[in-house]
C-alpha atoms as a PDB file:
ATOM      1  CA  MET A   1      16.033  -1.429  -5.870  1.00  0.00           C
ATOM      2  CA  ALA A   2      17.344   0.914  -3.164  1.00  0.00           C
ATOM      3  CA  LYS A   3      19.209  -0.643  -0.253  1.00  0.00           C
ATOM      4  CA  LEU A   4      17.100  -0.527   2.905  1.00  0.00           C
ATOM      5  CA  GLN A   5      19.178  -0.004   6.061  1.00  0.00           C
ATOM      6  CA  SER A   6      18.126   0.304   9.701  1.00  0.00           C
ATOM      7  CA  LEU A   7      18.813   3.684  11.256  1.00  0.00           C
ATOM      8  CA  ASP A   8      18.705   1.989  14.666  1.00  0.00           C
ATOM      9  CA  PRO A   9      20.686  -1.277  14.515  1.00  0.00           C
ATOM     10  CA  ASN A  10      18.497  -2.693  17.302  1.00  0.00           C
ATOM     11  CA  THR A  11      15.128  -1.974  15.681  1.00  0.00           C
ATOM     12  CA  SER A  12      14.224  -2.603  12.067  1.00  0.00           C
ATOM     13  CA  MET A  13      11.398  -0.749  10.362  1.00  0.00           C
ATOM     14  CA  PHE A  14       9.593  -4.071   9.906  1.00  0.00           C
ATOM     15  CA  ALA A  15       9.737  -4.707  13.665  1.00  0.00           C
ATOM     16  CA  GLN A  16       8.292  -1.231  14.173  1.00  0.00           C
ATOM     17  CA  PHE A  17       5.378  -2.055  11.856  1.00  0.00           C
ATOM     18  CA  LYS A  18       4.292  -4.690  14.399  1.00  0.00           C
ATOM     19  CA  GLU A  19       3.845  -2.109  17.164  1.00  0.00           C
ATOM     20  CA  LYS A  20       0.311  -0.769  17.550  1.00  0.00           C
ATOM     21  CA  SER A  21       0.833   2.965  17.746  1.00  0.00           C
ATOM     22  CA  GLY A  22      -0.356   6.233  16.341  1.00  0.00           C
ATOM     23  CA  PRO A  23      -0.111   8.833  15.213  1.00  0.00           C
ATOM     24  CA  ILE A  24       3.404   8.118  13.970  1.00  0.00           C
ATOM     25  CA  VAL A  25       6.040   9.910  11.934  1.00  0.00           C
ATOM     26  CA  LEU A  26       8.131   8.178   9.297  1.00  0.00           C
ATOM     27  CA  ALA A  27      11.526   9.844   8.887  1.00  0.00           C
ATOM     28  CA  ASN A  28      13.257   8.295   5.896  1.00  0.00           C
ATOM     29  CA  THR A  29      16.732   9.561   5.014  1.00  0.00           C
ATOM     30  CA  PHE A  30      18.004   8.716   1.543  1.00  0.00           C
ATOM     31  CA  VAL A  31      21.578   8.853   0.289  1.00  0.00           C
ATOM     32  CA  VAL A  32      21.191   9.739  -3.394  1.00  0.00           C
ATOM     33  CA  PRO A  33      24.124  10.183  -5.786  1.00  0.00           C
ATOM     34  CA  LYS A  34      23.979  13.680  -7.261  1.00  0.00           C
ATOM     35  CA  GLU A  35      23.546  12.398 -10.804  1.00  0.00           C
ATOM     36  CA  ARG A  36      20.427  10.461  -9.709  1.00  0.00           C
ATOM     37  CA  THR A  37      18.655  13.239  -7.780  1.00  0.00           C
ATOM     38  CA  GLU A  38      16.160  14.264 -10.481  1.00  0.00           C
ATOM     39  CA  GLU A  39      15.381  10.643 -11.382  1.00  0.00           C
ATOM     40  CA  PHE A  40      14.909   9.831  -7.680  1.00  0.00           C
ATOM     41  CA  LEU A  41      12.594  12.807  -7.109  1.00  0.00           C
ATOM     42  CA  ALA A  42      10.450  11.950 -10.136  1.00  0.00           C
ATOM     43  CA  LEU A  43       9.877   8.427  -8.820  1.00  0.00           C
ATOM     44  CA  PHE A  44       9.406   9.685  -5.276  1.00  0.00           C
ATOM     45  CA  ARG A  45       6.669  12.053  -6.478  1.00  0.00           C
ATOM     46  CA  ARG A  46       4.806   9.084  -7.996  1.00  0.00           C
ATOM     47  CA  GLN A  47       5.135   7.192  -4.717  1.00  0.00           C
ATOM     48  CA  ALA A  48       3.965  10.239  -2.761  1.00  0.00           C
ATOM     49  CA  GLU A  49       0.810  10.538  -4.877  1.00  0.00           C
ATOM     50  CA  PHE A  50       0.064   6.879  -4.204  1.00  0.00           C
ATOM     51  CA  MET A  51       0.662   7.253  -0.447  1.00  0.00           C
ATOM     52  CA  LYS A  52      -1.458  10.410  -0.195  1.00  0.00           C
ATOM     53  CA  ALA A  53      -4.452   8.379  -1.424  1.00  0.00           C
ATOM     54  CA  GLN A  54      -4.010   5.641   1.206  1.00  0.00           C
ATOM     55  CA  PRO A  55      -6.209   5.377   4.317  1.00  0.00           C
ATOM     56  CA  GLY A  56      -4.470   6.809   7.375  1.00  0.00           C
ATOM     57  CA  PHE A  57      -2.131   9.143   5.488  1.00  0.00           C
ATOM     58  CA  VAL A  58      -1.880  12.612   7.088  1.00  0.00           C
ATOM     59  CA  SER A  59       0.987  14.603   5.534  1.00  0.00           C
ATOM     60  CA  LEU A  60       4.351  14.441   3.795  1.00  0.00           C
ATOM     61  CA  GLN A  61       7.342  16.716   3.293  1.00  0.00           C
ATOM     62  CA  MET A  62      10.642  16.172   1.484  1.00  0.00           C
ATOM     63  CA  HIS A  63      13.801  17.917   2.631  1.00  0.00           C
ATOM     64  CA  LYS A  64      17.220  18.275   0.985  1.00  0.00           C
ATOM     65  CA  GLY A  65      20.506  18.413   2.856  1.00  0.00           C
ATOM     66  CA  THR A  66      22.388  21.684   2.655  1.00  0.00           C
ATOM     67  CA  ALA A  67      25.913  22.498   1.480  1.00  0.00           C
ATOM     68  CA  ASP A  68      26.231  20.046  -1.412  1.00  0.00           C
ATOM     69  CA  SER A  69      24.803  17.142   0.629  1.00  0.00           C
ATOM     70  CA  GLN A  70      23.646  13.947  -1.089  1.00  0.00           C
ATOM     71  CA  LEU A  71      20.927  13.459   1.550  1.00  0.00           C
ATOM     72  CA  LEU A  72      17.187  13.782   1.060  1.00  0.00           C
ATOM     73  CA  MET A  73      14.755  13.181   3.919  1.00  0.00           C
ATOM     74  CA  ASN A  74      11.070  12.365   3.710  1.00  0.00           C
ATOM     75  CA  VAL A  75       8.992  13.139   6.801  1.00  0.00           C
ATOM     76  CA  ALA A  76       5.502  11.640   6.662  1.00  0.00           C
ATOM     77  CA  VAL A  77       2.782  11.555   9.299  1.00  0.00           C
ATOM     78  CA  TRP A  78       0.384   8.608   9.495  1.00  0.00           C
ATOM     79  CA  GLU A  79      -2.571   7.906  11.755  1.00  0.00           C
ATOM     80  CA  SER A  80      -1.123   4.551  12.828  1.00  0.00           C
ATOM     81  CA  THR A  81       1.567   1.952  12.255  1.00  0.00           C
ATOM     82  CA  GLU A  82      -1.104  -0.326  10.796  1.00  0.00           C
ATOM     83  CA  ALA A  83      -1.962   2.254   8.132  1.00  0.00           C
ATOM     84  CA  ILE A  84       1.618   2.803   6.989  1.00  0.00           C
ATOM     85  CA  ALA A  85       2.414  -0.913   7.108  1.00  0.00           C
ATOM     86  CA  THR A  86      -0.577  -1.678   4.885  1.00  0.00           C
ATOM     87  CA  ALA A  87       0.361   1.049   2.388  1.00  0.00           C
ATOM     88  CA  PHE A  88       4.047   0.065   2.373  1.00  0.00           C
ATOM     89  CA  GLY A  89       3.194  -3.611   1.821  1.00  0.00           C
ATOM     90  CA  SER A  90       0.832  -3.011  -1.086  1.00  0.00           C
ATOM     91  CA  PRO A  91       1.912  -4.573  -4.391  1.00  0.00           C
ATOM     92  CA  GLU A  92       1.636  -1.224  -6.210  1.00  0.00           C
ATOM     93  CA  PHE A  93       3.968   0.528  -3.754  1.00  0.00           C
ATOM     94  CA  GLN A  94       6.408  -2.387  -3.820  1.00  0.00           C
ATOM     95  CA  ARG A  95       6.545  -2.230  -7.641  1.00  0.00           C
ATOM     96  CA  MET A  96       7.414   1.469  -7.472  1.00  0.00           C
ATOM     97  CA  ALA A  97       9.991   0.910  -4.718  1.00  0.00           C
ATOM     98  CA  ALA A  98      11.704  -1.706  -6.902  1.00  0.00           C
ATOM     99  CA  GLU A  99      12.306   0.985  -9.552  1.00  0.00           C
ATOM    100  CA  PHE A 100      14.828   2.870  -7.398  1.00  0.00           C
ATOM    101  CA  SER A 101      18.446   2.497  -8.458  1.00  0.00           C
ATOM    102  CA  ASP A 102      20.730   0.095  -6.534  1.00  0.00           C
ATOM    103  CA  ASP A 103      23.073   2.939  -5.570  1.00  0.00           C
ATOM    104  CA  ILE A 104      20.436   4.650  -3.385  1.00  0.00           C
ATOM    105  CA  VAL A 105      20.402   3.847   0.332  1.00  0.00           C
ATOM    106  CA  SER A 106      17.304   4.373   2.481  1.00  0.00           C
ATOM    107  CA  TYR A 107      17.257   4.699   6.290  1.00  0.00           C
ATOM    108  CA  PRO A 108      13.580   4.623   7.379  1.00  0.00           C
ATOM    109  CA  HIS A 109      12.473   4.815  10.996  1.00  0.00           C
ATOM    110  CA  LEU A 110       9.138   5.360  12.750  1.00  0.00           C
ATOM    111  CA  PHE A 111       8.758   7.814  15.625  1.00  0.00           C
ATOM    112  CA  GLU A 112       6.086   8.726  18.152  1.00  0.00           C
ATOM    113  CA  GLN A 113       5.726  12.277  19.392  1.00  0.00           C
ATOM    114  CA  ILE A 114       6.615  12.886  23.023  1.00  0.00           C
ATOM    115  CA  ASN A 115       5.875  15.916  25.129  1.00  0.00           C
ATOM    116  CA  VAL A 116       8.860  17.891  26.386  1.00  0.00           C
END
């Protein structure tokens, strides 16, 4: 299973799930060893198909770091924290998440849009 790390040391993703907010953006940065990239993406595609079918899902994009980077970043929009928390906590999603290799590190964080 991938190692789940907090991007913000003061706020875990699980604490963020308790906030009632929406719409929200999940930005999840993954550190993926180069030799695992294709395997990671194949599993991620399965997870994405599952998430796209969940209530409250809006959109998803995957991005790859440039210049030989080992980083991949998923940006997903959800109607609410409740919707993503329910999808993330589902047994089917948790089974898929457990399939990720131990040498992958994930840094998920939820964001709200602000006007600037």
